[in-house]
Amino acid sequence: MGRKSMIASVVAIAGTTTVLLGKRGLRAKVTQTVHEAYHKITGKKKREEKEKQLKIGHSHPHDYDDNKMVGEGALTSVQHYNKKQQMSHQ
């Protein structure tokens, strides 16, 4: 490969990269794909995946969003039970 063709290749790659990464949506997709490939190659899990695995069944007392979700779920089942009991006593 000659010097001119090598320079032309580098310029073409740089131009293509600039166009692709200049668009916000494409940039996000490229970034996500690169991260997924990295994690797949290295075998490392994303921090979010590790946190999700730790959270399963073990809600942290200061994780208000998770506690709210658990509370709402519990409340739904209690409301369903109460409604069923009221219907059976009528």
Protein backbone atom coordinates (compact mmCIF):
# COMPACT_ATOMS: atom_id res chain seq x y z
CA MET A 1 0.00 0.00 0.00
CA GLY A 2 1.43 3.35 -1.01
CA ARG A 3 1.72 6.36 1.18
CA LYS A 4 -0.98 8.27 -0.75
CA SER A 5 -3.49 5.44 -0.53
CA MET A 6 -2.76 5.04 3.17
CA ILE A 7 -3.37 8.74 3.78
CA ALA A 8 -6.54 8.57 1.69
CA SER A 9 -7.76 5.61 3.77
CA VAL A 10 -7.09 7.43 7.04
CA VAL A 11 -8.88 10.54 5.77
CA ALA A 12 -11.84 8.45 4.58
CA ILE A 13 -12.09 6.65 7.93
CA ALA A 14 -11.84 9.94 9.82
CA GLY A 15 -14.53 11.50 7.62
CA THR A 16 -16.88 8.55 8.01
CA THR A 17 -16.34 8.53 11.76
CA THR A 18 -17.03 12.25 11.97
CA VAL A 19 -20.28 11.90 10.02
CA LEU A 20 -21.47 8.90 12.05
CA LEU A 21 -20.56 10.30 15.43
CA GLY A 22 -21.89 13.76 14.54
CA LYS A 23 -25.44 12.48 14.74
CA ARG A 24 -26.59 12.01 18.32
CA GLY A 25 -28.69 8.87 17.72
CA LEU A 26 -25.97 7.11 15.75
CA ARG A 27 -23.35 8.13 18.29
CA ALA A 28 -25.39 6.52 21.09
CA LYS A 29 -25.82 3.32 19.07
CA VAL A 30 -22.12 3.13 18.22
CA THR A 31 -21.16 3.77 21.84
CA GLN A 32 -23.56 1.09 23.09
CA THR A 33 -22.33 -1.42 20.51
CA VAL A 34 -18.68 -0.77 21.42
CA HIS A 35 -19.44 -1.16 25.15
CA GLU A 36 -21.38 -4.40 24.57
CA ALA A 37 -18.54 -5.79 22.44
CA TYR A 38 -15.99 -4.84 25.11
CA HIS A 39 -18.00 -6.52 27.88
CA LYS A 40 -18.54 -9.61 25.73
CA ILE A 41 -14.82 -9.90 24.90
CA THR A 42 -13.53 -9.23 28.42
CA GLY A 43 -16.25 -11.19 30.17
CA LYS A 44 -16.88 -8.30 32.55
CA LYS A 45 -20.43 -7.37 33.40
CA LYS A 46 -21.76 -3.87 33.35
CA ARG A 47 -22.11 -2.14 36.70
CA GLU A 48 -25.89 -1.86 36.21
CA GLU A 49 -26.17 -5.63 35.66
CA LYS A 50 -24.20 -6.32 38.84
CA GLU A 51 -26.42 -3.91 40.78
CA LYS A 52 -29.56 -5.59 39.43
CA GLN A 53 -28.27 -8.99 40.51
CA LEU A 54 -27.55 -7.69 44.00
CA LYS A 55 -30.97 -6.02 44.31
CA ILE A 56 -33.02 -9.12 43.57
CA GLY A 57 -34.92 -9.82 46.78
CA HIS A 58 -32.75 -7.51 48.86
CA SER A 59 -34.06 -3.98 48.86
CA HIS A 60 -31.70 -1.44 50.42
CA PRO A 61 -33.45 0.69 53.07
CA HIS A 62 -32.27 3.93 51.43
CA ASP A 63 -33.25 2.93 47.87
CA TYR A 64 -36.51 4.88 47.90
CA ASP A 65 -37.56 4.04 44.34
CA ASP A 66 -37.17 0.31 44.91
CA ASN A 67 -38.95 0.46 48.27
CA LYS A 68 -41.80 2.47 46.73
CA MET A 69 -42.18 -0.15 44.00
CA VAL A 70 -42.24 -2.97 46.56
CA GLY A 71 -44.77 -1.09 48.68
CA GLU A 72 -47.05 -0.45 45.72
CA GLY A 73 -46.89 -4.12 44.77
CA ALA A 74 -47.77 -5.19 48.30
CA LEU A 75 -50.58 -2.67 48.45
CA THR A 76 -52.05 -3.98 45.20
CA SER A 77 -52.28 -7.51 46.51
CA VAL A 78 -53.85 -6.32 49.79
CA GLN A 79 -56.44 -4.28 47.88
CA HIS A 80 -57.27 -7.29 45.73
CA TYR A 81 -57.66 -9.47 48.82
CA ASN A 82 -59.89 -6.91 50.56
CA LYS A 83 -62.08 -6.51 47.50
CA LYS A 84 -62.50 -10.28 47.24
CA GLN A 85 -63.39 -10.51 50.96
CA GLN A 86 -65.98 -7.73 50.67
CA MET A 87 -67.61 -9.43 47.71
CA SER A 88 -67.83 -12.76 49.52
CA HIS A 89 -69.50 -11.15 52.59
CA GLN A 90 -72.28 -9.44 50.67
